[in-house]
Amino acid sequence: MARACLVLLDMRMPVMDGWGFARAAAERGFKVPLLVMTAAEKAKTWSDEIRADGFVAKPFDLVDLVSAVQRLAAAS
């Protein structure tokens, strides 16, 4: 099975929100960088709440997303 080098995480998802995902991942010992993607005005606050490694606020420029992904992937 391939190992994920990072997770792109939307905070508002229909079945499990970003907080629930982060909690479940931590409980299972899943250690992978989290990059939050959200349209919320509190993008940084929400990212900090789940101890994410970074965030991009929607709408975002593709260059900003790729840059954040590359930075986190290189650090993992």
PDB file of N, CA and C in Angstrom:
ATOM      1  N   MET A   1       0.845  -1.181   0.000  1.00  0.00           N
ATOM      2  CA  MET A   1       0.000   0.000   0.000  1.00  0.00           C
ATOM      3  C   MET A   1       0.889   1.243   0.000  1.00  0.00           C
ATOM      4  N   ALA A   2       0.543   2.195  -0.835  1.00  0.00           N
ATOM      5  CA  ALA A   2       1.301   3.443  -0.925  1.00  0.00           C
ATOM      6  C   ALA A   2       1.084   4.284   0.320  1.00  0.00           C
ATOM      7  N   ARG A   3       2.109   4.996   0.718  1.00  0.00           N
ATOM      8  CA  ARG A   3       2.042   5.871   1.883  1.00  0.00           C
ATOM      9  C   ARG A   3       1.768   7.294   1.408  1.00  0.00           C
ATOM     10  N   ALA A   4       0.807   7.936   2.044  1.00  0.00           N
ATOM     11  CA  ALA A   4       0.478   9.324   1.701  1.00  0.00           C
ATOM     12  C   ALA A   4       1.576  10.236   2.224  1.00  0.00           C
ATOM     13  N   CYS A   5       1.947  11.244   1.438  1.00  0.00           N
ATOM     14  CA  CYS A   5       2.950  12.182   1.931  1.00  0.00           C
ATOM     15  C   CYS A   5       2.306  13.435   2.507  1.00  0.00           C
ATOM     16  N   LEU A   6       1.015  13.643   2.216  1.00  0.00           N
ATOM     17  CA  LEU A   6       0.264  14.714   2.855  1.00  0.00           C
ATOM     18  C   LEU A   6      -1.221  14.546   2.549  1.00  0.00           C
ATOM     19  N   VAL A   7      -2.032  15.218   3.355  1.00  0.00           N
ATOM     20  CA  VAL A   7      -3.486  15.169   3.174  1.00  0.00           C
ATOM     21  C   VAL A   7      -3.986  16.574   2.889  1.00  0.00           C
ATOM     22  N   LEU A   8      -4.730  16.717   1.784  1.00  0.00           N
ATOM     23  CA  LEU A   8      -5.434  17.967   1.492  1.00  0.00           C
ATOM     24  C   LEU A   8      -6.786  17.846   2.177  1.00  0.00           C
ATOM     25  N   LEU A   9      -7.063  18.693   3.133  1.00  0.00           N
ATOM     26  CA  LEU A   9      -8.226  18.533   3.990  1.00  0.00           C
ATOM     27  C   LEU A   9      -9.160  19.730   3.932  1.00  0.00           C
ATOM     28  N   ASP A  10     -10.371  19.480   3.458  1.00  0.00           N
ATOM     29  CA  ASP A  10     -11.415  20.505   3.504  1.00  0.00           C
ATOM     30  C   ASP A  10     -12.051  20.430   4.888  1.00  0.00           C
ATOM     31  N   MET A  11     -12.298  21.540   5.514  1.00  0.00           N
ATOM     32  CA  MET A  11     -12.843  21.534   6.873  1.00  0.00           C
ATOM     33  C   MET A  11     -14.336  21.236   6.908  1.00  0.00           C
ATOM     34  N   ARG A  12     -15.031  21.534   5.825  1.00  0.00           N
ATOM     35  CA  ARG A  12     -16.477  21.314   5.793  1.00  0.00           C
ATOM     36  C   ARG A  12     -16.801  20.219   4.782  1.00  0.00           C
ATOM     37  N   MET A  13     -16.920  19.009   5.290  1.00  0.00           N
ATOM     38  CA  MET A  13     -17.255  17.859   4.451  1.00  0.00           C
ATOM     39  C   MET A  13     -18.553  17.261   4.977  1.00  0.00           C
ATOM     40  N   PRO A  14     -19.315  16.588   4.138  1.00  0.00           N
ATOM     41  CA  PRO A  14     -20.648  16.125   4.532  1.00  0.00           C
ATOM     42  C   PRO A  14     -20.686  15.011   5.585  1.00  0.00           C
ATOM     43  N   VAL A  15     -19.768  14.077   5.564  1.00  0.00           N
ATOM     44  CA  VAL A  15     -19.847  12.942   6.493  1.00  0.00           C
ATOM     45  C   VAL A  15     -18.995  13.183   7.732  1.00  0.00           C
ATOM     46  N   MET A  16     -17.758  13.601   7.529  1.00  0.00           N
ATOM     47  CA  MET A  16     -16.846  13.875   8.640  1.00  0.00           C
ATOM     48  C   MET A  16     -16.153  15.197   8.349  1.00  0.00           C
ATOM     49  N   ASP A  17     -16.255  16.147   9.253  1.00  0.00           N
ATOM     50  CA  ASP A  17     -15.613  17.440   9.014  1.00  0.00           C
ATOM     51  C   ASP A  17     -14.115  17.350   9.305  1.00  0.00           C
ATOM     52  N   GLY A  18     -13.413  18.421   9.047  1.00  0.00           N
ATOM     53  CA  GLY A  18     -11.964  18.440   9.229  1.00  0.00           C
ATOM     54  C   GLY A  18     -11.530  18.174  10.656  1.00  0.00           C
ATOM     55  N   TRP A  19     -12.290  18.666  11.624  1.00  0.00           N
ATOM     56  CA  TRP A  19     -11.955  18.433  13.029  1.00  0.00           C
ATOM     57  C   TRP A  19     -12.069  16.943  13.357  1.00  0.00           C
ATOM     58  N   GLY A  20     -13.131  16.319  12.871  1.00  0.00           N
ATOM     59  CA  GLY A  20     -13.332  14.888  13.096  1.00  0.00           C
ATOM     60  C   GLY A  20     -12.254  14.056  12.427  1.00  0.00           C
ATOM     61  N   PHE A  21     -11.881  14.432  11.206  1.00  0.00           N
ATOM     62  CA  PHE A  21     -10.826  13.710  10.506  1.00  0.00           C
ATOM     63  C   PHE A  21      -9.513  13.823  11.267  1.00  0.00           C
ATOM     64  N   ALA A  22      -9.148  15.028  11.669  1.00  0.00           N
ATOM     65  CA  ALA A  22      -7.886  15.233  12.381  1.00  0.00           C
ATOM     66  C   ALA A  22      -7.869  14.447  13.691  1.00  0.00           C
ATOM     67  N   ARG A  23      -8.980  14.439  14.391  1.00  0.00           N
ATOM     68  CA  ARG A  23      -9.082  13.696  15.649  1.00  0.00           C
ATOM     69  C   ARG A  23      -8.928  12.195  15.393  1.00  0.00           C
ATOM     70  N   ALA A  24      -9.640  11.678  14.394  1.00  0.00           N
ATOM     71  CA  ALA A  24      -9.579  10.249  14.073  1.00  0.00           C
ATOM     72  C   ALA A  24      -8.172   9.855  13.610  1.00  0.00           C
ATOM     73  N   ALA A  25      -7.544  10.688  12.815  1.00  0.00           N
ATOM     74  CA  ALA A  25      -6.190  10.393  12.341  1.00  0.00           C
ATOM     75  C   ALA A  25      -5.217  10.337  13.520  1.00  0.00           C
ATOM     76  N   ALA A  26      -5.329  11.296  14.436  1.00  0.00           N
ATOM     77  CA  ALA A  26      -4.442  11.321  15.604  1.00  0.00           C
ATOM     78  C   ALA A  26      -4.671  10.099  16.492  1.00  0.00           C
ATOM     79  N   GLU A  27      -5.926   9.729  16.700  1.00  0.00           N
ATOM     80  CA  GLU A  27      -6.240   8.562  17.531  1.00  0.00           C
ATOM     81  C   GLU A  27      -5.652   7.278  16.952  1.00  0.00           C
ATOM     82  N   ARG A  28      -5.530   7.218  15.639  1.00  0.00           N
ATOM     83  CA  ARG A  28      -4.989   6.031  14.967  1.00  0.00           C
ATOM     84  C   ARG A  28      -3.475   6.109  14.764  1.00  0.00           C
ATOM     85  N   GLY A  29      -2.861   7.189  15.229  1.00  0.00           N
ATOM     86  CA  GLY A  29      -1.417   7.350  15.085  1.00  0.00           C
ATOM     87  C   GLY A  29      -0.974   7.698  13.674  1.00  0.00           C
ATOM     88  N   PHE A  30      -1.897   8.226  12.876  1.00  0.00           N
ATOM     89  CA  PHE A  30      -1.625   8.585  11.493  1.00  0.00           C
ATOM     90  C   PHE A  30      -0.845   9.890  11.491  1.00  0.00           C
ATOM     91  N   LYS A  31       0.434   9.833  11.153  1.00  0.00           N
ATOM     92  CA  LYS A  31       1.286  11.018  11.174  1.00  0.00           C
ATOM     93  C   LYS A  31       1.637  11.426   9.747  1.00  0.00           C
ATOM     94  N   VAL A  32       0.915  12.375   9.243  1.00  0.00           N
ATOM     95  CA  VAL A  32       1.142  12.897   7.903  1.00  0.00           C
ATOM     96  C   VAL A  32       0.777  14.384   7.928  1.00  0.00           C
ATOM     97  N   PRO A  33       1.508  15.211   7.201  1.00  0.00           N
ATOM     98  CA  PRO A  33       1.176  16.629   7.182  1.00  0.00           C
ATOM     99  C   PRO A  33      -0.249  16.870   6.665  1.00  0.00           C
ATOM    100  N   LEU A  34      -0.927  17.805   7.305  1.00  0.00           N
ATOM    101  CA  LEU A  34      -2.278  18.193   6.902  1.00  0.00           C
ATOM    102  C   LEU A  34      -2.230  19.595   6.299  1.00  0.00           C
ATOM    103  N   LEU A  35      -2.809  19.733   5.119  1.00  0.00           N
ATOM    104  CA  LEU A  35      -2.944  21.038   4.476  1.00  0.00           C
ATOM    105  C   LEU A  35      -4.433  21.344   4.379  1.00  0.00           C
ATOM    106  N   VAL A  36      -4.882  22.298   5.160  1.00  0.00           N
ATOM    107  CA  VAL A  36      -6.289  22.678   5.196  1.00  0.00           C
ATOM    108  C   VAL A  36      -6.613  23.565   3.998  1.00  0.00           C
ATOM    109  N   MET A  37      -7.740  23.258   3.365  1.00  0.00           N
ATOM    110  CA  MET A  37      -8.277  24.087   2.283  1.00  0.00           C
ATOM    111  C   MET A  37      -9.691  24.456   2.710  1.00  0.00           C
ATOM    112  N   THR A  38      -9.942  25.748   2.892  1.00  0.00           N
ATOM    113  CA  THR A  38     -11.266  26.155   3.339  1.00  0.00           C
ATOM    114  C   THR A  38     -11.606  27.550   2.847  1.00  0.00           C
ATOM    115  N   ALA A  39     -12.898  27.784   2.683  1.00  0.00           N
ATOM    116  CA  ALA A  39     -13.379  29.108   2.292  1.00  0.00           C
ATOM    117  C   ALA A  39     -13.735  29.946   3.517  1.00  0.00           C
ATOM    118  N   ALA A  40     -13.562  29.386   4.692  1.00  0.00           N
ATOM    119  CA  ALA A  40     -13.918  30.097   5.916  1.00  0.00           C
ATOM    120  C   ALA A  40     -13.015  31.309   6.120  1.00  0.00           C
ATOM    121  N   GLU A  41     -13.583  32.354   6.682  1.00  0.00           N
ATOM    122  CA  GLU A  41     -12.800  33.542   6.999  1.00  0.00           C
ATOM    123  C   GLU A  41     -11.738  33.230   8.053  1.00  0.00           C
ATOM    124  N   LYS A  42     -11.985  32.198   8.851  1.00  0.00           N
ATOM    125  CA  LYS A  42     -11.072  31.824   9.929  1.00  0.00           C
ATOM    126  C   LYS A  42     -10.164  30.665   9.513  1.00  0.00           C
ATOM    127  N   ALA A  43      -9.687  30.671   8.286  1.00  0.00           N
ATOM    128  CA  ALA A  43      -8.885  29.563   7.767  1.00  0.00           C
ATOM    129  C   ALA A  43      -7.669  29.286   8.653  1.00  0.00           C
ATOM    130  N   LYS A  44      -6.931  30.308   9.026  1.00  0.00           N
ATOM    131  CA  LYS A  44      -5.746  30.101   9.861  1.00  0.00           C
ATOM    132  C   LYS A  44      -6.139  29.595  11.240  1.00  0.00           C
ATOM    133  N   THR A  45      -7.165  30.154  11.821  1.00  0.00           N
ATOM    134  CA  THR A  45      -7.618  29.714  13.151  1.00  0.00           C
ATOM    135  C   THR A  45      -8.015  28.249  13.115  1.00  0.00           C
ATOM    136  N   TRP A  46      -8.798  27.860  12.114  1.00  0.00           N
ATOM    137  CA  TRP A  46      -9.230  26.466  12.012  1.00  0.00           C
ATOM    138  C   TRP A  46      -8.037  25.549  11.791  1.00  0.00           C
ATOM    139  N   SER A  47      -7.092  25.994  10.978  1.00  0.00           N
ATOM    140  CA  SER A  47      -5.883  25.220  10.739  1.00  0.00           C
ATOM    141  C   SER A  47      -5.105  25.025  12.042  1.00  0.00           C
ATOM    142  N   ASP A  48      -4.977  26.088  12.798  1.00  0.00           N
ATOM    143  CA  ASP A  48      -4.290  26.008  14.091  1.00  0.00           C
ATOM    144  C   ASP A  48      -5.024  25.084  15.058  1.00  0.00           C
ATOM    145  N   GLU A  49      -6.352  25.126  15.060  1.00  0.00           N
ATOM    146  CA  GLU A  49      -7.142  24.297  15.980  1.00  0.00           C
ATOM    147  C   GLU A  49      -6.873  22.810  15.819  1.00  0.00           C
ATOM    148  N   ILE A  50      -6.623  22.373  14.588  1.00  0.00           N
ATOM    149  CA  ILE A  50      -6.387  20.944  14.375  1.00  0.00           C
ATOM    150  C   ILE A  50      -4.894  20.637  14.230  1.00  0.00           C
ATOM    151  N   ARG A  51      -4.076  21.642  14.491  1.00  0.00           N
ATOM    152  CA  ARG A  51      -2.623  21.507  14.395  1.00  0.00           C
ATOM    153  C   ARG A  51      -2.174  21.084  12.989  1.00  0.00           C
ATOM    154  N   ALA A  52      -2.826  21.666  11.988  1.00  0.00           N
ATOM    155  CA  ALA A  52      -2.451  21.402  10.599  1.00  0.00           C
ATOM    156  C   ALA A  52      -1.094  22.036  10.319  1.00  0.00           C
ATOM    157  N   ASP A  53      -0.453  21.551   9.294  1.00  0.00           N
ATOM    158  CA  ASP A  53       0.872  22.034   8.938  1.00  0.00           C
ATOM    159  C   ASP A  53       0.830  23.228   7.997  1.00  0.00           C
ATOM    160  N   GLY A  54      -0.345  23.543   7.490  1.00  0.00           N
ATOM    161  CA  GLY A  54      -0.499  24.680   6.610  1.00  0.00           C
ATOM    162  C   GLY A  54      -1.943  24.816   6.170  1.00  0.00           C
ATOM    163  N   PHE A  55      -2.215  25.899   5.460  1.00  0.00           N
ATOM    164  CA  PHE A  55      -3.570  26.119   4.949  1.00  0.00           C
ATOM    165  C   PHE A  55      -3.510  26.972   3.702  1.00  0.00           C
ATOM    166  N   VAL A  56      -4.523  26.826   2.875  1.00  0.00           N
ATOM    167  CA  VAL A  56      -4.762  27.730   1.753  1.00  0.00           C
ATOM    168  C   VAL A  56      -6.228  28.123   1.835  1.00  0.00           C
ATOM    169  N   ALA A  57      -6.478  29.401   1.714  1.00  0.00           N
ATOM    170  CA  ALA A  57      -7.845  29.905   1.801  1.00  0.00           C
ATOM    171  C   ALA A  57      -8.470  29.931   0.411  1.00  0.00           C
ATOM    172  N   LYS A  58      -9.693  29.432   0.326  1.00  0.00           N
ATOM    173  CA  LYS A  58     -10.442  29.468  -0.942  1.00  0.00           C
ATOM    174  C   LYS A  58     -11.070  30.843  -1.106  1.00  0.00           C
ATOM    175  N   PRO A  59     -11.163  31.356  -2.291  1.00  0.00           N
ATOM    176  CA  PRO A  59     -10.580  30.790  -3.502  1.00  0.00           C
ATOM    177  C   PRO A  59      -9.070  31.016  -3.486  1.00  0.00           C
ATOM    178  N   PHE A  60      -8.320  30.032  -3.917  1.00  0.00           N
ATOM    179  CA  PHE A  60      -6.872  30.155  -3.934  1.00  0.00           C
ATOM    180  C   PHE A  60      -6.375  30.061  -5.364  1.00  0.00           C
ATOM    181  N   ASP A  61      -5.196  30.601  -5.553  1.00  0.00           N
ATOM    182  CA  ASP A  61      -4.532  30.514  -6.846  1.00  0.00           C
ATOM    183  C   ASP A  61      -3.842  29.159  -6.922  1.00  0.00           C
ATOM    184  N   LEU A  62      -3.888  28.508  -8.064  1.00  0.00           N
ATOM    185  CA  LEU A  62      -3.282  27.189  -8.234  1.00  0.00           C
ATOM    186  C   LEU A  62      -1.801  27.207  -7.867  1.00  0.00           C
ATOM    187  N   VAL A  63      -1.113  28.277  -8.181  1.00  0.00           N
ATOM    188  CA  VAL A  63       0.310  28.395  -7.855  1.00  0.00           C
ATOM    189  C   VAL A  63       0.508  28.324  -6.341  1.00  0.00           C
ATOM    190  N   ASP A  64      -0.381  28.958  -5.568  1.00  0.00           N
ATOM    191  CA  ASP A  64      -0.283  28.923  -4.109  1.00  0.00           C
ATOM    192  C   ASP A  64      -0.517  27.513  -3.570  1.00  0.00           C
ATOM    193  N   LEU A  65      -1.489  26.799  -4.145  1.00  0.00           N
ATOM    194  CA  LEU A  65      -1.762  25.426  -3.715  1.00  0.00           C
ATOM    195  C   LEU A  65      -0.569  24.521  -4.018  1.00  0.00           C
ATOM    196  N   VAL A  66      -0.058  24.592  -5.223  1.00  0.00           N
ATOM    197  CA  VAL A  66       1.085  23.752  -5.602  1.00  0.00           C
ATOM    198  C   VAL A  66       2.295  24.075  -4.727  1.00  0.00           C
ATOM    199  N   SER A  67       2.514  25.328  -4.449  1.00  0.00           N
ATOM    200  CA  SER A  67       3.630  25.740  -3.602  1.00  0.00           C
ATOM    201  C   SER A  67       3.494  25.155  -2.190  1.00  0.00           C
ATOM    202  N   ALA A  68       2.292  25.230  -1.629  1.00  0.00           N
ATOM    203  CA  ALA A  68       2.066  24.681  -0.286  1.00  0.00           C
ATOM    204  C   ALA A  68       2.247  23.165  -0.275  1.00  0.00           C
ATOM    205  N   VAL A  69       1.741  22.490  -1.295  1.00  0.00           N
ATOM    206  CA  VAL A  69       1.888  21.031  -1.394  1.00  0.00           C
ATOM    207  C   VAL A  69       3.363  20.661  -1.504  1.00  0.00           C
ATOM    208  N   GLN A  70       4.101  21.341  -2.349  1.00  0.00           N
ATOM    209  CA  GLN A  70       5.522  21.051  -2.512  1.00  0.00           C
ATOM    210  C   GLN A  70       6.299  21.276  -1.216  1.00  0.00           C
ATOM    211  N   ARG A  71       5.975  22.341  -0.503  1.00  0.00           N
ATOM    212  CA  ARG A  71       6.664  22.655   0.752  1.00  0.00           C
ATOM    213  C   ARG A  71       6.428  21.554   1.782  1.00  0.00           C
ATOM    214  N   LEU A  72       5.174  21.140   1.923  1.00  0.00           N
ATOM    215  CA  LEU A  72       4.850  20.108   2.923  1.00  0.00           C
ATOM    216  C   LEU A  72       5.363  18.728   2.507  1.00  0.00           C
ATOM    217  N   ALA A  73       5.292  18.422   1.238  1.00  0.00           N
ATOM    218  CA  ALA A  73       5.784  17.121   0.761  1.00  0.00           C
ATOM    219  C   ALA A  73       7.286  17.014   0.960  1.00  0.00           C
ATOM    220  N   ALA A  74       8.002  18.096   0.750  1.00  0.00           N
ATOM    221  CA  ALA A  74       9.446  18.080   0.924  1.00  0.00           C
ATOM    222  C   ALA A  74       9.838  17.933   2.391  1.00  0.00           C
ATOM    223  N   ALA A  75       8.970  18.441   3.273  1.00  0.00           N
ATOM    224  CA  ALA A  75       9.267  18.386   4.711  1.00  0.00           C
ATOM    225  C   ALA A  75       8.910  17.037   5.339  1.00  0.00           C
ATOM    226  N   SER A  76       8.100  16.216   4.621  1.00  0.00           N
ATOM    227  CA  SER A  76       7.673  14.948   5.224  1.00  0.00           C
ATOM    228  C   SER A  76       8.638  13.819   4.943  1.00  0.00           C
TER     229      SER A  76
END
